[in-house]
Protein backbone atom coordinates (compact mmCIF):
# COMPACT_ATOMS: atom_id res chain seq x y z
CA MET A 1 2.93 -19.85 -8.09
CA SER A 2 5.91 -22.34 -9.49
CA LYS A 3 3.42 -25.75 -9.38
CA THR A 4 0.19 -26.71 -10.06
CA LEU A 5 -1.49 -29.30 -7.95
CA CYS A 6 -5.05 -31.56 -8.98
CA ALA A 7 -6.26 -32.33 -5.14
CA ILE A 8 -4.90 -31.98 -1.56
CA GLY A 9 -5.66 -35.14 0.38
CA PHE A 10 -5.95 -35.07 3.54
CA ASP A 11 -5.36 -38.38 6.35
CA ALA A 12 -7.96 -38.18 9.40
CA ASP A 13 -6.68 -40.19 12.79
CA ASP A 14 -4.13 -37.60 14.51
CA THR A 15 -3.84 -35.56 11.18
CA LEU A 16 -7.50 -33.94 11.59
CA TRP A 17 -8.52 -35.39 14.95
CA HIS A 18 -7.22 -37.06 18.05
CA ASN A 19 -6.99 -40.78 17.82
CA GLU A 20 -3.84 -42.14 19.34
CA ARG A 21 -4.40 -40.96 22.60
CA PHE A 22 -7.63 -43.00 23.36
CA PHE A 23 -5.54 -46.58 22.32
CA LYS A 24 -2.49 -45.24 24.73
CA LEU A 25 -5.09 -44.88 27.43
CA THR A 26 -7.18 -48.05 26.60
CA GLN A 27 -3.44 -50.03 26.20
CA GLU A 28 -2.55 -48.84 29.71
CA ARG A 29 -5.55 -49.82 31.06
CA PHE A 30 -5.43 -53.45 29.36
CA THR A 31 -1.57 -53.45 31.08
CA GLU A 32 -3.60 -52.75 34.45
CA LEU A 33 -5.56 -55.64 34.02
CA ILE A 34 -3.87 -58.41 32.33
CA THR A 35 -0.44 -57.82 34.98
CA PRO A 36 -1.74 -59.52 38.05
CA HIS A 37 -2.69 -62.41 35.88
CA THR A 38 0.58 -63.50 34.60
CA ASP A 39 5.00 -62.95 35.09
CA HIS A 40 5.37 -61.52 31.67
CA LYS A 41 7.32 -58.20 31.69
CA ASN A 42 7.18 -57.45 28.37
CA ILE A 43 3.64 -57.34 27.50
CA ASP A 44 3.06 -54.26 25.54
CA ASN A 45 5.71 -55.30 23.23
CA LEU A 46 3.48 -58.79 22.75
CA LEU A 47 0.56 -56.44 22.02
CA LEU A 48 2.56 -54.99 19.56
CA LYS A 49 3.45 -57.84 17.83
CA ALA A 50 0.11 -59.25 17.78
CA GLU A 51 -1.51 -56.16 16.25
CA GLN A 52 1.37 -56.13 13.58
CA ARG A 53 0.73 -60.24 13.13
CA ASN A 54 -3.32 -59.66 13.01
CA ILE A 55 -3.10 -56.33 10.22
CA GLY A 56 -3.98 -58.61 7.68
CA HIS A 57 -6.77 -60.57 9.31
CA TYR A 58 -8.35 -58.04 10.64
CA GLY A 59 -7.22 -54.29 9.19
CA PHE A 60 -6.51 -51.03 11.05
CA GLY A 61 -8.66 -50.01 13.52
CA ILE A 62 -10.43 -50.51 17.41
CA LYS A 63 -12.12 -54.12 16.51
CA GLY A 64 -8.49 -55.54 15.24
CA PHE A 65 -6.93 -53.61 18.46
CA VAL A 66 -9.47 -55.05 21.02
CA LEU A 67 -9.00 -58.81 19.41
CA SER A 68 -5.16 -58.12 19.46
CA MET A 69 -5.68 -57.31 23.48
CA ILE A 70 -7.79 -60.66 23.97
CA GLU A 71 -5.49 -62.54 22.11
CA THR A 72 -2.23 -61.56 24.15
CA ALA A 73 -4.05 -61.75 26.93
CA LEU A 74 -5.12 -65.64 26.62
CA ASP A 75 -1.14 -66.08 25.56
CA VAL A 76 0.44 -64.37 28.56
CA THR A 77 -1.96 -66.30 30.67
CA ASP A 78 -1.62 -69.22 29.04
CA LYS A 79 -5.54 -68.95 28.22
CA ARG A 80 -6.38 -68.62 32.36
CA VAL A 81 -7.18 -64.69 31.96
CA PRO A 82 -10.77 -64.36 34.19
CA GLY A 83 -13.08 -64.00 32.05
CA GLU A 84 -14.48 -60.56 34.04
CA VAL A 85 -10.57 -59.28 32.52
CA ILE A 86 -12.21 -60.25 28.95
CA ALA A 87 -15.31 -58.64 29.46
CA SER A 88 -13.32 -55.19 30.38
CA LEU A 89 -11.41 -55.27 27.21
CA ILE A 90 -14.38 -55.42 24.99
CA LYS A 91 -16.71 -52.65 27.11
CA ALA A 92 -12.72 -50.56 26.59
CA GLY A 93 -13.11 -51.18 22.88
CA GLN A 94 -16.74 -50.18 23.17
CA ASP A 95 -15.76 -47.01 24.69
CA MET A 96 -13.56 -45.79 22.31
CA LEU A 97 -16.17 -46.62 19.43
CA ARG A 98 -18.52 -44.22 21.34
CA HIS A 99 -15.89 -41.56 22.52
CA PRO A 100 -16.54 -38.27 20.94
CA ILE A 101 -14.52 -36.60 18.34
CA ASP A 102 -11.94 -34.21 19.08
CA LEU A 103 -10.75 -31.70 16.03
CA LEU A 104 -7.17 -30.82 16.24
CA PRO A 105 -6.34 -27.01 15.96
CA TYR A 106 -6.56 -25.50 12.73
CA ALA A 107 -7.76 -28.48 11.24
CA GLU A 108 -11.23 -26.92 9.25
CA ASP A 109 -9.23 -23.66 8.58
CA ALA A 110 -6.56 -25.91 6.90
CA VAL A 111 -9.34 -27.60 4.94
CA ARG A 112 -10.66 -24.52 3.92
CA ALA A 113 -7.63 -23.34 2.78
CA ALA A 114 -6.81 -26.03 0.51
CA LYS A 115 -10.09 -26.34 -0.86
CA LYS A 116 -9.50 -22.94 -2.34
CA LEU A 117 -6.36 -24.32 -4.25
CA ALA A 118 -7.87 -27.73 -5.27
CA PRO A 119 -10.06 -30.75 -4.52
CA VAL A 120 -9.70 -31.92 -1.37
CA VAL A 121 -9.97 -35.44 -0.63
CA LEU A 122 -9.84 -37.27 2.69
CA ILE A 123 -7.88 -40.58 2.38
CA THR A 124 -8.24 -42.77 6.02
CA LYS A 125 -7.86 -46.61 6.74
CA GLY A 126 -9.54 -48.56 9.21
CA ASP A 127 -12.63 -50.04 10.06
CA LEU A 128 -15.27 -48.41 7.53
CA LEU A 129 -18.38 -47.79 10.15
CA ASP A 130 -16.05 -46.37 12.89
CA GLN A 131 -14.50 -44.10 9.96
CA GLU A 132 -18.04 -43.13 9.21
CA ARG A 133 -18.79 -42.33 12.68
CA LYS A 134 -15.57 -39.85 13.04
CA LEU A 135 -16.20 -38.29 10.05
CA ALA A 136 -20.00 -37.37 10.56
CA GLN A 137 -19.41 -36.20 14.13
CA SER A 138 -15.90 -33.97 13.07
CA GLY A 139 -18.71 -31.96 10.82
CA LEU A 140 -16.00 -31.42 8.10
CA GLY A 141 -17.59 -33.99 5.68
CA GLU A 142 -18.70 -31.34 3.58
CA LEU A 143 -16.10 -29.79 2.62
CA PHE A 144 -14.40 -32.80 1.03
CA ASP A 145 -14.68 -33.41 -2.61
CA THR A 146 -14.38 -37.14 -2.33
CA ILE A 147 -14.10 -39.64 0.63
CA GLU A 148 -11.48 -42.73 0.30
CA ILE A 149 -11.92 -45.22 3.50
CA VAL A 150 -8.93 -47.60 2.09
CA SER A 151 -7.37 -51.05 3.89
CA ASP A 152 -4.31 -49.53 3.60
CA LYS A 153 -2.22 -46.92 2.35
CA LYS A 154 -0.09 -48.27 -0.41
CA SER A 155 1.61 -45.94 -3.64
CA HIS A 156 -1.08 -47.95 -6.16
CA VAL A 157 -3.39 -46.63 -3.46
CA TYR A 158 -2.94 -43.42 -4.03
CA SER A 159 -1.91 -43.67 -8.06
CA ARG A 160 -5.63 -44.70 -7.95
CA ILE A 161 -7.38 -42.01 -6.21
CA TYR A 162 -5.42 -39.24 -7.69
CA GLY A 163 -5.32 -40.72 -11.38
CA PRO A 164 -9.14 -39.24 -11.74
CA PHE A 165 -8.16 -35.79 -11.16
CA GLY A 166 -5.32 -35.61 -13.41
CA GLY A 167 -2.78 -37.99 -12.34
CA VAL A 168 -1.22 -38.49 -8.65
CA GLN A 169 2.42 -36.49 -9.77
CA ASN A 170 0.10 -33.63 -9.30
CA GLY A 171 -1.45 -34.37 -6.42
CA MET A 172 -0.65 -33.75 -2.49
CA MET A 173 -0.98 -35.82 0.67
CA ILE A 174 -0.94 -34.21 4.48
CA GLY A 175 -0.46 -36.21 7.06
CA ASN A 176 1.20 -37.30 10.28
CA SER A 177 2.33 -40.60 9.48
CA MET A 178 5.38 -40.97 7.61
CA LYS A 179 5.02 -44.74 6.79
CA SER A 180 1.35 -44.30 5.37
CA ASP A 181 0.91 -40.86 3.91
CA VAL A 182 3.96 -39.23 2.95
CA ILE A 183 6.35 -42.29 2.11
CA PRO A 184 3.88 -44.39 0.02
CA MET A 185 2.83 -40.67 -1.77
CA ILE A 186 6.54 -39.91 -2.53
CA ASP A 187 7.06 -43.30 -3.80
CA ALA A 188 3.69 -43.10 -6.38
CA GLY A 189 5.56 -39.35 -7.84
CA GLY A 190 3.47 -37.18 -5.73
CA PHE A 191 4.12 -34.46 -2.74
CA GLY A 192 4.03 -35.96 0.64
CA VAL A 193 3.69 -33.29 3.31
CA TYR A 194 4.21 -34.62 6.99
CA VAL A 195 2.37 -32.81 10.60
CA PRO A 196 3.21 -34.46 13.32
CA HIS A 197 1.38 -35.45 16.17
CA GLU A 198 2.98 -35.69 19.55
CA MET A 199 1.58 -39.41 19.61
CA VAL A 200 2.67 -41.91 16.79
CA TRP A 201 1.62 -45.58 16.47
CA ASN A 202 5.12 -47.95 16.52
CA LEU A 203 4.02 -49.37 13.73
CA GLU A 204 3.24 -46.31 11.65
CA ILE A 205 6.91 -45.22 12.57
CA ALA A 206 9.77 -44.77 8.81
CA ARG A 207 12.73 -42.83 8.00
CA THR A 208 12.18 -39.22 6.68
CA PRO A 209 12.99 -38.43 3.46
CA LEU A 210 14.94 -35.70 4.14
CA GLY A 211 16.00 -33.68 0.87
CA HIS A 212 13.59 -35.32 -1.63
CA PRO A 213 12.55 -32.60 -3.63
CA ARG A 214 8.48 -33.87 -2.99
CA TYR A 215 9.17 -33.65 0.35
CA HIS A 216 7.47 -31.32 3.39
CA GLU A 217 7.03 -30.68 6.89
CA LEU A 218 4.72 -28.04 8.25
CA VAL A 219 5.04 -27.79 12.17
CA ASP A 220 1.04 -27.72 12.39
CA LEU A 221 -2.10 -27.43 10.45
CA SER A 222 -1.94 -23.33 10.73
CA ALA A 223 1.20 -23.48 8.75
CA LEU A 224 -0.88 -25.32 5.35
CA SER A 225 -2.20 -21.92 4.40
CA GLU A 226 1.33 -20.08 3.80
CA PHE A 227 3.15 -22.93 2.48
CA LEU A 228 0.62 -23.15 -0.41
CA GLU A 229 0.35 -19.67 -1.39
CA LYS A 230 4.52 -19.58 -0.80
CA GLU A 231 5.13 -22.83 -3.06
CA PHE A 232 1.80 -23.29 -5.34
């Protein structure tokens, strides 16, 4: 053991359970519904721009996604989108909010392995009610010493969360988003561990900090226990 960790943080969506694939399926449905009513060929890009533009208004999560779909539908049809299409988009969002949780392989084992070494913290962003619902369904809630549902993941947020445990410089964050989980944690002075997922939202893509002494990458969560034993 060469280093001591004061706390180990886990991202939730697409780190512990599937999430992005439901957005992808709904976006495909959105395109199917809108295409007959517009000549625009870049609907997906327009939706992405709306999502990016609206993060400051609605935050992250399904509700903001649905509102961005409705806004895009109105824009590309010059506000002539049929009411039944809007109703279908609202229903699609409601279906997403009701979708059962599907844990990723090794999720529970990884959290338990980390908990043997240090307090474990769930750090996730998005809609409060939806994140609470998913955590309750996951069955993992009781494993965490602290749960933080934040509006965004920035360096100062990590500094605040890890402060009571002994300081972010002795903390670790594990997640699938280079932009939200890894880079801001490293910038704050902590360890960032990247666990890739097959689907990544375009707005979460960022350059990998290769060569940084506090950056680590695992093939999946099954490798976490051995990594912690070897490095910490």
